[in-house]
């Protein structure tokens, strides 16, 4: 099964039409930036089952523009991506006042101390190494964006 990758304009319209006011029971929205299709599909399933609305992108080159267009509640960001790596994307998000406070969960196979330190220095909200437990992802996302 191919993971649907949503274009910014299409996804923005879809998100805006489903959002309501605070406390309205509307799903929290996460943008998943992950190039490994099997991991992205698993994350989509896990998060949607928990009530999240999930948009996905498999390339880092358009990630910052996608975040600006979608205005998600949370970004789950891989470190190793084609086009631009996760640290570059994170730095660009933190440098932009419109996205500086956006919660970013970095989920990566590069889980060594130096990778964690680099992500923390760049301003990541939470760092998790792959492999991950389903409950751990849901708990981390919910802690970053209470619903």
C-alpha atoms as a PDB file:
ATOM      1  CA  UNK A   1       0.000   0.000   0.000  1.00  0.00           C
ATOM      2  CA  UNK A   2       1.421   3.374  -1.012  1.00  0.00           C
ATOM      3  CA  UNK A   3       1.361   6.099   1.630  1.00  0.00           C
ATOM      4  CA  UNK A   4      -0.536   9.089   0.250  1.00  0.00           C
ATOM      5  CA  UNK A   5       1.691  12.131   0.206  1.00  0.00           C
ATOM      6  CA  UNK A   6      -0.344  15.299   0.301  1.00  0.00           C
ATOM      7  CA  UNK A   7       0.530  18.529  -1.489  1.00  0.00           C
ATOM      8  CA  UNK A   8       0.568  21.661   0.658  1.00  0.00           C
ATOM      9  CA  UNK A   9      -2.374  23.417  -1.024  1.00  0.00           C
ATOM     10  CA  UNK A  10      -4.560  20.294  -1.009  1.00  0.00           C
ATOM     11  CA  UNK A  11      -3.694  19.422   2.576  1.00  0.00           C
ATOM     12  CA  UNK A  12      -4.230  22.984   3.812  1.00  0.00           C
ATOM     13  CA  UNK A  13      -7.770  23.028   2.443  1.00  0.00           C
ATOM     14  CA  UNK A  14      -8.481  19.623   4.014  1.00  0.00           C
ATOM     15  CA  UNK A  15      -7.128  20.658   7.409  1.00  0.00           C
ATOM     16  CA  UNK A  16      -8.870  24.046   7.493  1.00  0.00           C
ATOM     17  CA  UNK A  17     -12.206  22.446   6.677  1.00  0.00           C
ATOM     18  CA  UNK A  18     -11.955  20.013   9.601  1.00  0.00           C
ATOM     19  CA  UNK A  19     -10.614  22.222  12.352  1.00  0.00           C
ATOM     20  CA  UNK A  20     -12.832  23.776  14.946  1.00  0.00           C
ATOM     21  CA  UNK A  21     -12.401  25.793  18.079  1.00  0.00           C
ATOM     22  CA  UNK A  22     -10.455  24.653  21.107  1.00  0.00           C
ATOM     23  CA  UNK A  23     -11.965  21.725  22.948  1.00  0.00           C
ATOM     24  CA  UNK A  24     -14.323  20.907  20.088  1.00  0.00           C
ATOM     25  CA  UNK A  25     -13.122  17.316  19.827  1.00  0.00           C
ATOM     26  CA  UNK A  26     -11.465  18.001  16.469  1.00  0.00           C
ATOM     27  CA  UNK A  27      -8.477  15.792  15.732  1.00  0.00           C
ATOM     28  CA  UNK A  28      -5.032  17.156  16.365  1.00  0.00           C
ATOM     29  CA  UNK A  29      -3.022  17.377  13.160  1.00  0.00           C
ATOM     30  CA  UNK A  30       0.469  15.962  12.708  1.00  0.00           C
ATOM     31  CA  UNK A  31       2.761  16.342   9.716  1.00  0.00           C
ATOM     32  CA  UNK A  32       4.900  13.253   9.388  1.00  0.00           C
ATOM     33  CA  UNK A  33       8.174  13.799   7.510  1.00  0.00           C
ATOM     34  CA  UNK A  34       9.543  10.301   6.958  1.00  0.00           C
ATOM     35  CA  UNK A  35      11.037   8.791   3.801  1.00  0.00           C
ATOM     36  CA  UNK A  36      10.729   5.110   4.751  1.00  0.00           C
ATOM     37  CA  UNK A  37       7.281   4.110   3.528  1.00  0.00           C
ATOM     38  CA  UNK A  38       6.826   1.167   5.908  1.00  0.00           C
ATOM     39  CA  UNK A  39       7.623   3.331   8.937  1.00  0.00           C
ATOM     40  CA  UNK A  40       5.415   6.160   7.673  1.00  0.00           C
ATOM     41  CA  UNK A  41       2.502   3.753   7.135  1.00  0.00           C
ATOM     42  CA  UNK A  42       2.931   2.301  10.620  1.00  0.00           C
ATOM     43  CA  UNK A  43       3.068   5.763  12.188  1.00  0.00           C
ATOM     44  CA  UNK A  44       0.003   6.864  10.240  1.00  0.00           C
ATOM     45  CA  UNK A  45      -1.938   3.824  11.479  1.00  0.00           C
ATOM     46  CA  UNK A  46      -0.814   4.269  15.092  1.00  0.00           C
ATOM     47  CA  UNK A  47      -1.598   7.977  15.201  1.00  0.00           C
ATOM     48  CA  UNK A  48      -4.902   7.820  13.324  1.00  0.00           C
ATOM     49  CA  UNK A  49      -6.040   5.046  15.650  1.00  0.00           C
ATOM     50  CA  UNK A  50      -5.357   7.480  18.505  1.00  0.00           C
ATOM     51  CA  UNK A  51      -7.461  10.191  16.836  1.00  0.00           C
ATOM     52  CA  UNK A  52      -4.785  12.230  15.081  1.00  0.00           C
ATOM     53  CA  UNK A  53      -5.206  13.604  11.575  1.00  0.00           C
ATOM     54  CA  UNK A  54      -2.009  12.698   9.674  1.00  0.00           C
ATOM     55  CA  UNK A  55      -0.420  14.322   6.636  1.00  0.00           C
ATOM     56  CA  UNK A  56       2.816  12.884   5.297  1.00  0.00           C
ATOM     57  CA  UNK A  57       5.812  13.970   3.300  1.00  0.00           C
ATOM     58  CA  UNK A  58       8.663  11.723   2.195  1.00  0.00           C
ATOM     59  CA  UNK A  59      11.269  14.321   1.219  1.00  0.00           C
ATOM     60  CA  UNK A  60      13.014  17.032   3.206  1.00  0.00           C
ATOM     61  CA  UNK A  61      13.295  19.518   0.348  1.00  0.00           C
ATOM     62  CA  UNK A  62       9.718  20.791   0.678  1.00  0.00           C
ATOM     63  CA  UNK A  63       9.292  20.203   4.399  1.00  0.00           C
ATOM     64  CA  UNK A  64       9.492  23.794   5.638  1.00  0.00           C
ATOM     65  CA  UNK A  65       7.052  25.025   2.986  1.00  0.00           C
ATOM     66  CA  UNK A  66       4.697  22.175   3.857  1.00  0.00           C
ATOM     67  CA  UNK A  67       4.808  23.040   7.559  1.00  0.00           C
ATOM     68  CA  UNK A  68       4.060  26.693   6.790  1.00  0.00           C
ATOM     69  CA  UNK A  69       1.170  25.729   4.525  1.00  0.00           C
ATOM     70  CA  UNK A  70      -0.417  23.103   6.748  1.00  0.00           C
ATOM     71  CA  UNK A  71       0.114  24.705  10.147  1.00  0.00           C
ATOM     72  CA  UNK A  72       0.086  21.309  11.918  1.00  0.00           C
ATOM     73  CA  UNK A  73      -0.095  20.961  15.678  1.00  0.00           C
ATOM     74  CA  UNK A  74       2.960  18.688  15.656  1.00  0.00           C
ATOM     75  CA  UNK A  75       5.756  17.645  13.301  1.00  0.00           C
ATOM     76  CA  UNK A  76       7.307  14.194  13.498  1.00  0.00           C
ATOM     77  CA  UNK A  77      10.622  14.530  11.722  1.00  0.00           C
ATOM     78  CA  UNK A  78      13.144  11.946  10.583  1.00  0.00           C
ATOM     79  CA  UNK A  79      16.798  12.950  10.778  1.00  0.00           C
ATOM     80  CA  UNK A  80      17.986  11.300   7.555  1.00  0.00           C
ATOM     81  CA  UNK A  81      15.885  12.490   4.615  1.00  0.00           C
ATOM     82  CA  UNK A  82      16.472  13.055   0.929  1.00  0.00           C
ATOM     83  CA  UNK A  83      16.536  16.710  -0.095  1.00  0.00           C
ATOM     84  CA  UNK A  84      17.324  18.202   3.321  1.00  0.00           C
ATOM     85  CA  UNK A  85      18.162  16.507   6.587  1.00  0.00           C
ATOM     86  CA  UNK A  86      16.105  16.805   9.738  1.00  0.00           C
ATOM     87  CA  UNK A  87      18.548  19.164  11.464  1.00  0.00           C
ATOM     88  CA  UNK A  88      18.382  21.603   8.537  1.00  0.00           C
ATOM     89  CA  UNK A  89      14.595  21.483   8.598  1.00  0.00           C
ATOM     90  CA  UNK A  90      14.492  21.935  12.364  1.00  0.00           C
ATOM     91  CA  UNK A  91      16.866  24.916  12.192  1.00  0.00           C
ATOM     92  CA  UNK A  92      14.687  26.559   9.528  1.00  0.00           C
ATOM     93  CA  UNK A  93      11.537  25.992  11.599  1.00  0.00           C
ATOM     94  CA  UNK A  94      13.126  27.436  14.717  1.00  0.00           C
ATOM     95  CA  UNK A  95      14.444  30.478  12.793  1.00  0.00           C
ATOM     96  CA  UNK A  96      10.952  31.403  11.532  1.00  0.00           C
ATOM     97  CA  UNK A  97       8.781  33.224  14.105  1.00  0.00           C
ATOM     98  CA  UNK A  98       5.678  31.542  12.636  1.00  0.00           C
ATOM     99  CA  UNK A  99       7.004  28.048  13.382  1.00  0.00           C
ATOM    100  CA  UNK A 100       9.556  28.658  16.150  1.00  0.00           C
ATOM    101  CA  UNK A 101       7.319  27.286  18.916  1.00  0.00           C
ATOM    102  CA  UNK A 102       5.897  24.360  16.926  1.00  0.00           C
ATOM    103  CA  UNK A 103       6.454  21.043  18.734  1.00  0.00           C
ATOM    104  CA  UNK A 104       8.849  18.811  16.798  1.00  0.00           C
ATOM    105  CA  UNK A 105       9.376  15.157  17.660  1.00  0.00           C
ATOM    106  CA  UNK A 106      12.518  13.824  15.986  1.00  0.00           C
ATOM    107  CA  UNK A 107      12.257  10.114  15.318  1.00  0.00           C
ATOM    108  CA  UNK A 108      15.441   8.628  13.905  1.00  0.00           C
ATOM    109  CA  UNK A 109      17.577   5.548  13.530  1.00  0.00           C
ATOM    110  CA  UNK A 110      20.552   7.689  14.532  1.00  0.00           C
ATOM    111  CA  UNK A 111      20.118   7.413  18.274  1.00  0.00           C
ATOM    112  CA  UNK A 112      23.650   7.993  19.528  1.00  0.00           C
ATOM    113  CA  UNK A 113      24.380  10.620  22.157  1.00  0.00           C
ATOM    114  CA  UNK A 114      25.929  12.997  19.605  1.00  0.00           C
ATOM    115  CA  UNK A 115      22.789  12.800  17.437  1.00  0.00           C
ATOM    116  CA  UNK A 116      20.561  13.554  20.418  1.00  0.00           C
ATOM    117  CA  UNK A 117      22.826  16.436  21.465  1.00  0.00           C
ATOM    118  CA  UNK A 118      22.771  17.934  17.960  1.00  0.00           C
ATOM    119  CA  UNK A 119      18.976  17.725  17.825  1.00  0.00           C
ATOM    120  CA  UNK A 120      18.614  19.258  21.277  1.00  0.00           C
ATOM    121  CA  UNK A 121      21.011  22.077  20.348  1.00  0.00           C
ATOM    122  CA  UNK A 122      18.873  22.746  17.269  1.00  0.00           C
ATOM    123  CA  UNK A 123      15.754  23.038  19.428  1.00  0.00           C
ATOM    124  CA  UNK A 124      13.954  19.714  19.106  1.00  0.00           C
ATOM    125  CA  UNK A 125      11.025  19.280  21.489  1.00  0.00           C
ATOM    126  CA  UNK A 126      11.524  15.537  21.902  1.00  0.00           C
ATOM    127  CA  UNK A 127      14.048  13.042  20.512  1.00  0.00           C
ATOM    128  CA  UNK A 128      13.261   9.355  20.058  1.00  0.00           C
ATOM    129  CA  UNK A 129      15.334   6.605  18.499  1.00  0.00           C
ATOM    130  CA  UNK A 130      13.995   3.870  16.226  1.00  0.00           C
ATOM    131  CA  UNK A 131      12.834   1.241  16.828  1.00  0.00           C
ATOM    132  CA  UNK A 132       9.981   2.617  18.870  1.00  0.00           C
ATOM    133  CA  UNK A 133       7.027   1.213  20.745  1.00  0.00           C
ATOM    134  CA  UNK A 134       3.567   2.220  19.511  1.00  0.00           C
ATOM    135  CA  UNK A 135       2.526   3.393  22.956  1.00  0.00           C
ATOM    136  CA  UNK A 136       5.709   5.454  23.259  1.00  0.00           C
ATOM    137  CA  UNK A 137       4.926   7.399  20.054  1.00  0.00           C
ATOM    138  CA  UNK A 138       1.340   8.071  21.119  1.00  0.00           C
ATOM    139  CA  UNK A 139       2.452   9.158  24.598  1.00  0.00           C
ATOM    140  CA  UNK A 140       5.149  11.470  23.230  1.00  0.00           C
ATOM    141  CA  UNK A 141       2.812  13.065  20.682  1.00  0.00           C
ATOM    142  CA  UNK A 142       0.085  13.521  23.294  1.00  0.00           C
ATOM    143  CA  UNK A 143       2.524  15.044  25.773  1.00  0.00           C
ATOM    144  CA  UNK A 144       3.665  17.567  23.159  1.00  0.00           C
ATOM    145  CA  UNK A 145       0.104  18.397  22.035  1.00  0.00           C
ATOM    146  CA  UNK A 146      -2.420  17.613  24.745  1.00  0.00           C
ATOM    147  CA  UNK A 147      -5.825  16.944  23.301  1.00  0.00           C
END
